[in-house]
Amino acid sequence: MSKTTIPSGYRMPLSNNELQRAIELIHQEFQHSLCVRLNLHRVSAPLFVDGRTGLNDDLNGVERPVSFDIPDVGTDGQVVHSLAKWKRLALKRYEFPEGTGLYTNMNAIRRDEEVDNLHSIYVDWEKHISPKDRNVLYLKETVRDIVGAICDTSAALRNAFPALTFKPDRDVYFITTQELEDRYPDLTPNEREVEICRKHHTVFLMQIGKTLASGKRHDGRAPDYDDWELNGDILMWNPILERSFELSSMGIRVDAAALDRQLTAANCNQRRELPFHKMLLNGQLPQSIGGGIGQSRLCMLLIGTCHIGEVQVSLWDADTTKTCEDAGITLL
């Protein structure tokens, strides 16, 4: 059975040719605006890393990396799940000064992702910050800059394609996962996100990964990149799918104290012996803030498509292909 949901009466908002031009405009406008607002410069990113370094992310701790042997090197390469750790190491290697950072387009393979309407590819970014900037005010300021870049991109898109009408809300509503649980104790985490976005449209949900008063977590987050006290997800209301829509997972990264605390809480103390983690615990990496922004999700939201396959090339199962074909939807 297909996991794809097609809203009643949905029609593709642009022709296939117009859609490709709109996608190109979003990529160009958003990356430019993000670079200007956060003072970022583009770098090239790896397709795979050495699994022994601790650089690949395990996401929620259960996802299996795609790996292959490299006989001439004498190790296995792992296709990246994300670049959260690699980017922080790159800040050091490429000698980015405080107040500047990098962005790159991540090409990842997540073999255990569900195939549905929403899974995306990312613009990854990372910025070197001062230790004094490891606070909630700096985090919120950065979130507002990213939302501003999204809104500026939307305005440019509507100007180029007047048939498109979606206008994101610049005003960000900030709430922690504990505050959200307290407000909607009888709902699931996903249902809580839907309700808060239905009401406030643009939301930054903070402190993801930590255990809540209920004894549960709102969602999983690896213990060795984001500080669970200083992270969050940018969510927007999607009027086509009538649901909350995650555009970015981001946060101020762990320092030595936060890494020590979170490795213990997550029962991942064996990672302390990995090269990347040793550098962090020894204070050898710059303090940073960073995240990934769903590039294809951004296109979906701003253009108004209902399936990510309309804006992103991928492989789809037969049921999904049939469902979309019957609805007159072209999957790339």
Protein backbone atom coordinates (compact mmCIF):
# COMPACT_ATOMS: atom_id res chain seq x y z
CA MET A 1 0.00 0.00 0.00
CA SER A 2 1.37 3.44 -0.92
CA LYS A 3 2.37 5.82 1.88
CA THR A 4 1.73 8.73 -0.46
CA THR A 5 -1.12 11.13 0.32
CA ILE A 6 -2.62 13.20 -2.50
CA PRO A 7 -4.92 16.03 -1.35
CA SER A 8 -8.37 16.00 -2.90
CA GLY A 9 -8.51 18.10 -6.05
CA TYR A 10 -4.75 18.66 -6.17
CA ARG A 11 -3.21 19.79 -9.46
CA MET A 12 0.45 20.54 -10.16
CA PRO A 13 0.83 24.32 -9.74
CA LEU A 14 3.24 24.81 -12.68
CA SER A 15 4.04 23.06 -15.93
CA ASN A 16 7.04 20.72 -15.89
CA ASN A 17 9.19 23.30 -17.65
CA GLU A 18 8.12 26.13 -15.32
CA LEU A 19 8.71 23.85 -12.35
CA GLN A 20 12.36 23.33 -13.28
CA ARG A 21 12.89 27.08 -13.65
CA ALA A 22 11.24 27.70 -10.29
CA ILE A 23 13.46 25.11 -8.59
CA GLU A 24 16.56 26.75 -10.07
CA LEU A 25 15.42 30.18 -8.86
CA ILE A 26 14.81 28.89 -5.31
CA HIS A 27 18.24 27.26 -5.13
CA GLN A 28 20.00 30.40 -6.33
CA GLU A 29 18.03 32.93 -4.31
CA PHE A 30 17.98 30.99 -1.05
CA GLN A 31 21.67 30.10 -1.03
CA HIS A 32 22.62 33.69 -1.84
CA SER A 33 20.36 35.12 0.87
CA LEU A 34 21.57 32.59 3.44
CA CYS A 35 25.22 33.36 2.66
CA VAL A 36 24.68 37.10 3.03
CA ARG A 37 22.73 36.83 6.28
CA LEU A 38 25.05 34.30 7.99
CA ASN A 39 28.36 35.26 6.31
CA LEU A 40 28.93 31.86 4.70
CA HIS A 41 31.18 30.66 1.85
CA ARG A 42 30.69 27.56 -0.29
CA VAL A 43 32.94 24.50 0.05
CA SER A 44 32.93 21.04 -1.51
CA ALA A 45 31.66 18.18 0.63
CA PRO A 46 32.59 14.48 0.72
CA LEU A 47 30.31 11.78 -0.63
CA PHE A 48 31.68 9.31 1.90
CA VAL A 49 33.88 9.20 5.00
CA ASP A 50 35.97 6.65 6.89
CA GLY A 51 33.63 4.98 9.37
CA ARG A 52 36.43 4.64 11.94
CA THR A 53 36.76 8.40 12.42
CA GLY A 54 33.37 9.01 14.05
CA LEU A 55 32.56 11.65 11.41
CA ASN A 56 29.44 9.97 10.03
CA ASP A 57 26.24 10.65 11.91
CA ASP A 58 24.10 7.83 13.25
CA LEU A 59 21.01 10.10 13.28
CA ASN A 60 18.66 8.28 15.69
CA GLY A 61 21.16 5.50 16.38
CA VAL A 62 19.44 2.78 14.36
CA GLU A 63 19.98 3.82 10.72
CA ARG A 64 22.45 1.66 8.78
CA PRO A 65 25.02 3.49 6.66
CA VAL A 66 25.65 2.41 3.07
CA SER A 67 29.26 1.17 3.10
CA PHE A 68 31.75 -0.33 0.67
CA ASP A 69 35.34 -1.52 0.81
CA ILE A 70 38.23 0.53 -0.62
CA PRO A 71 41.01 -2.05 -1.06
CA ASP A 72 43.79 0.43 -1.90
CA VAL A 73 43.07 2.44 1.24
CA GLY A 74 42.52 -0.55 3.49
CA THR A 75 39.25 0.60 5.01
CA ASP A 76 35.50 0.82 4.37
CA GLY A 77 33.93 4.01 3.10
CA GLN A 78 30.57 5.07 4.53
CA VAL A 79 28.20 7.22 2.46
CA VAL A 80 27.31 10.17 4.65
CA HIS A 81 24.04 10.35 6.57
CA SER A 82 24.71 14.02 7.26
CA LEU A 83 27.68 16.35 7.47
CA ALA A 84 27.15 17.77 10.97
CA LYS A 85 30.49 16.55 12.31
CA TRP A 86 32.48 16.86 9.09
CA LYS A 87 31.49 20.53 8.77
CA ARG A 88 32.77 21.36 12.22
CA LEU A 89 36.10 19.71 11.47
CA ALA A 90 36.19 21.61 8.15
CA LEU A 91 35.87 24.92 10.03
CA LYS A 92 39.14 24.05 11.75
CA ARG A 93 40.93 22.60 8.70
CA TYR A 94 39.97 25.48 6.41
CA GLU A 95 40.73 28.07 9.13
CA PHE A 96 37.38 29.88 9.12
CA PRO A 97 37.60 32.82 11.56
CA GLU A 98 34.90 33.54 14.16
CA GLY A 99 31.76 35.00 12.63
CA THR A 100 32.20 33.23 9.30
CA GLY A 101 31.14 29.82 8.11
CA LEU A 102 30.61 27.40 5.26
CA TYR A 103 27.75 25.89 3.32
CA THR A 104 27.63 22.95 0.98
CA ASN A 105 25.10 20.80 -0.85
CA MET A 106 24.94 17.42 0.83
CA ASN A 107 24.51 14.28 -1.26
CA ALA A 108 23.52 11.54 1.13
CA ILE A 109 22.00 8.06 0.99
CA ARG A 110 19.85 7.09 3.95
CA ARG A 111 18.85 3.54 3.21
CA ASP A 112 16.40 3.31 6.13
CA GLU A 113 14.40 6.48 5.37
CA GLU A 114 10.74 5.88 4.68
CA VAL A 115 9.70 6.62 1.10
CA ASP A 116 6.79 9.06 1.39
CA ASN A 117 5.76 12.58 0.36
CA LEU A 118 8.44 14.43 2.29
CA HIS A 119 12.02 13.14 2.50
CA SER A 120 14.55 15.64 1.22
CA ILE A 121 18.11 16.59 0.26
CA TYR A 122 19.90 19.35 2.16
CA VAL A 123 21.84 22.58 2.05
CA ASP A 124 24.26 22.06 4.96
CA TRP A 125 25.86 25.00 6.75
CA GLU A 126 28.18 25.55 9.71
CA LYS A 127 29.43 28.76 11.33
CA HIS A 128 32.37 29.40 13.67
CA ILE A 129 31.08 31.23 16.75
CA SER A 130 32.56 32.64 19.92
CA PRO A 131 32.06 30.71 23.19
CA LYS A 132 30.01 33.69 24.45
CA ASP A 133 27.51 33.03 21.64
CA ARG A 134 26.54 29.64 23.04
CA ASN A 135 23.17 30.89 24.28
CA VAL A 136 19.47 30.91 23.39
CA LEU A 137 19.44 34.53 22.23
CA TYR A 138 22.10 33.86 19.58
CA LEU A 139 20.25 30.70 18.51
CA LYS A 140 16.99 32.63 18.06
CA GLU A 141 18.74 35.40 16.14
CA THR A 142 20.15 32.84 13.71
CA VAL A 143 16.74 31.20 13.27
CA ARG A 144 15.22 34.57 12.38
CA ASP A 145 17.96 35.10 9.78
CA ILE A 146 17.19 31.74 8.16
CA VAL A 147 13.44 32.39 8.14
CA GLY A 148 14.18 35.80 6.62
CA ALA A 149 16.14 34.12 3.81
CA ILE A 150 13.17 31.79 3.19
CA CYS A 151 10.74 34.71 3.04
CA ASP A 152 12.99 36.71 0.71
CA THR A 153 13.25 33.69 -1.60
CA SER A 154 9.47 33.28 -1.56
CA ALA A 155 9.01 36.92 -2.57
CA ALA A 156 11.40 36.52 -5.52
CA LEU A 157 9.59 33.34 -6.58
CA ARG A 158 6.13 34.95 -6.48
CA ASN A 159 7.46 37.86 -8.52
CA ALA A 160 8.76 35.47 -11.22
CA PHE A 161 5.73 33.15 -11.14
CA PRO A 162 2.58 35.16 -10.25
CA ALA A 163 0.44 32.00 -10.22
CA LEU A 164 2.17 30.97 -6.97
CA THR A 165 0.55 32.42 -3.87
CA PHE A 166 2.16 30.84 -0.78
CA LYS A 167 3.62 33.49 1.54
CA PRO A 168 5.52 32.22 4.62
CA ASP A 169 5.11 34.00 7.94
CA ARG A 170 8.26 35.92 9.03
CA ASP A 171 7.22 35.98 12.70
CA VAL A 172 8.76 32.98 14.44
CA TYR A 173 7.04 31.41 17.43
CA PHE A 174 9.59 29.85 19.81
CA ILE A 175 8.62 26.96 22.09
CA THR A 176 10.49 24.12 23.81
CA THR A 177 9.56 20.46 23.52
CA GLN A 178 8.67 20.44 27.23
CA GLU A 179 6.39 23.44 26.86
CA LEU A 180 4.76 21.74 23.88
CA GLU A 181 4.24 18.51 25.86
CA ASP A 182 2.74 20.50 28.73
CA ARG A 183 0.34 22.22 26.32
CA TYR A 184 -0.77 19.03 24.52
CA PRO A 185 -0.05 16.14 26.94
CA ASP A 186 -2.51 13.74 25.30
CA LEU A 187 -1.16 14.13 21.76
CA THR A 188 1.74 12.36 20.07
CA PRO A 189 4.84 14.44 19.25
CA ASN A 190 3.82 14.65 15.60
CA GLU A 191 0.27 15.70 16.52
CA ARG A 192 1.67 18.40 18.81
CA GLU A 193 3.75 19.82 15.95
CA VAL A 194 0.66 19.91 13.73
CA GLU A 195 -1.37 21.81 16.32
CA ILE A 196 1.31 24.38 17.15
CA CYS A 197 1.98 25.05 13.45
CA ARG A 198 -1.72 25.26 12.66
CA LYS A 199 -1.92 28.06 15.21
CA HIS A 200 1.39 29.91 14.68
CA HIS A 201 2.45 28.94 11.09
CA THR A 202 6.23 29.48 11.60
CA VAL A 203 7.62 27.70 14.65
CA PHE A 204 11.04 26.96 16.08
CA LEU A 205 10.72 23.89 18.31
CA MET A 206 13.64 23.89 20.77
CA GLN A 207 15.48 21.35 22.92
CA ILE A 208 15.09 18.17 20.88
CA GLY A 209 16.80 15.02 22.15
CA LYS A 210 16.46 15.49 25.90
CA THR A 211 14.11 13.39 28.03
CA LEU A 212 10.85 15.16 28.89
CA ALA A 213 8.85 15.10 32.13
CA SER A 214 6.79 12.21 30.70
CA GLY A 215 9.96 10.10 30.56
CA LYS A 216 9.89 10.16 26.75
CA ARG A 217 11.73 12.20 24.13
CA HIS A 218 9.94 14.36 21.62
CA ASP A 219 12.28 12.98 18.95
CA GLY A 220 15.70 11.38 18.71
CA ARG A 221 18.85 13.44 18.18
CA ALA A 222 22.40 12.08 18.16
CA PRO A 223 24.33 13.05 21.32
CA ASP A 224 27.51 14.21 19.61
CA TYR A 225 26.66 17.23 17.45
CA ASP A 226 23.78 19.42 18.71
CA ASP A 227 23.61 20.59 22.32
CA TRP A 228 20.16 19.35 23.33
CA GLU A 229 19.61 22.57 25.32
CA LEU A 230 20.47 24.79 22.32
CA ASN A 231 18.97 23.14 19.24
CA GLY A 232 15.68 22.81 17.41
CA ASP A 233 13.67 22.39 14.22
CA ILE A 234 12.24 25.10 11.98
CA LEU A 235 8.64 24.12 11.20
CA MET A 236 6.15 25.81 8.89
CA TRP A 237 2.48 25.16 8.20
CA ASN A 238 1.97 23.48 4.83
CA PRO A 239 -1.45 24.51 3.48
CA ILE A 240 -1.39 21.93 0.67
CA LEU A 241 -0.80 18.93 2.96
CA GLU A 242 -2.48 20.62 5.96
CA ARG A 243 0.26 19.63 8.36
CA SER A 244 3.44 20.86 10.02
CA PHE A 245 6.42 20.81 7.70
CA GLU A 246 10.00 20.52 8.97
CA LEU A 247 12.42 22.60 6.91
CA SER A 248 15.53 22.54 9.07
CA SER A 249 17.19 20.68 11.91
CA MET A 250 19.85 22.89 13.49
CA GLY A 251 21.53 23.98 16.67
CA ILE A 252 24.53 25.23 18.57
CA ARG A 253 26.97 22.34 18.68
CA VAL A 254 28.19 20.52 21.76
CA ASP A 255 31.17 21.79 23.68
CA ALA A 256 33.26 19.39 25.77
CA ALA A 257 30.92 19.60 28.77
CA ALA A 258 27.75 19.04 26.72
CA LEU A 259 29.32 16.14 24.82
CA ASP A 260 30.42 14.51 28.07
CA ARG A 261 26.92 14.86 29.50
CA GLN A 262 25.06 13.67 26.40
CA LEU A 263 27.30 10.67 25.68
CA THR A 264 26.56 9.44 29.19
CA ALA A 265 22.81 10.14 28.89
CA ALA A 266 22.64 8.28 25.56
CA ASN A 267 24.78 5.37 26.79
CA CYS A 268 27.30 6.05 24.02
CA ASN A 269 30.48 6.33 26.09
CA GLN A 270 32.37 4.08 23.66
CA ARG A 271 32.47 7.02 21.24
CA ARG A 272 34.87 8.87 23.52
CA GLU A 273 37.72 6.89 21.90
CA LEU A 274 36.90 7.95 18.32
CA PRO A 275 39.24 10.58 16.80
CA PHE A 276 36.57 13.22 16.25
CA HIS A 277 35.19 12.87 19.77
CA LYS A 278 38.65 12.99 21.34
CA MET A 279 39.27 16.31 19.59
CA LEU A 280 36.00 17.68 20.92
CA LEU A 281 36.59 16.51 24.48
CA ASN A 282 40.08 18.01 24.38
CA GLY A 283 38.76 21.38 23.18
CA GLN A 284 40.55 21.19 19.82
CA LEU A 285 37.59 22.13 17.60
CA PRO A 286 35.97 25.56 17.17
CA GLN A 287 32.65 26.36 18.79
CA SER A 288 30.00 26.35 16.09
CA ILE A 289 26.36 26.51 15.10
CA GLY A 290 25.00 24.69 12.09
CA GLY A 291 22.27 22.68 10.48
CA GLY A 292 20.72 21.25 7.37
CA ILE A 293 17.95 22.91 5.39
CA GLY A 294 15.71 20.70 3.31
CA GLN A 295 16.28 22.06 -0.19
CA SER A 296 13.60 19.93 -1.84
CA ARG A 297 11.16 20.53 1.01
CA LEU A 298 11.73 24.25 0.57
CA CYS A 299 10.83 23.90 -3.11
CA MET A 300 7.74 21.88 -2.23
CA LEU A 301 6.49 24.48 0.23
CA LEU A 302 7.22 27.63 -1.77
CA ILE A 303 5.96 26.22 -5.09
CA GLY A 304 3.02 24.37 -3.57
CA THR A 305 3.61 20.77 -4.68
CA CYS A 306 2.24 17.85 -2.69
CA HIS A 307 4.98 15.26 -3.29
CA ILE A 308 8.73 15.63 -3.05
CA GLY A 309 9.10 13.59 -6.24
CA GLU A 310 7.76 16.59 -8.16
CA VAL A 311 10.90 18.58 -7.26
CA GLN A 312 13.53 15.90 -6.55
CA VAL A 313 14.76 13.00 -8.69
CA SER A 314 14.65 9.65 -6.88
CA LEU A 315 13.44 6.05 -7.08
CA TRP A 316 9.85 5.29 -6.13
CA ASP A 317 8.00 2.07 -5.42
CA ALA A 318 5.30 0.86 -7.80
CA ASP A 319 2.39 1.85 -5.51
CA THR A 320 3.66 5.42 -5.14
CA THR A 321 4.24 5.74 -8.88
CA LYS A 322 0.72 4.45 -9.62
CA THR A 323 -0.89 6.74 -7.02
CA CYS A 324 0.83 9.80 -8.47
CA GLU A 325 0.17 8.78 -12.06
CA ASP A 326 -3.53 8.38 -11.34
CA ALA A 327 -3.55 11.89 -9.83
CA GLY A 328 -1.81 13.41 -12.88
CA ILE A 329 1.42 14.03 -10.95
CA THR A 330 4.78 13.72 -12.73
CA LEU A 331 7.51 12.20 -10.54
CA LEU A 332 11.05 13.16 -11.55
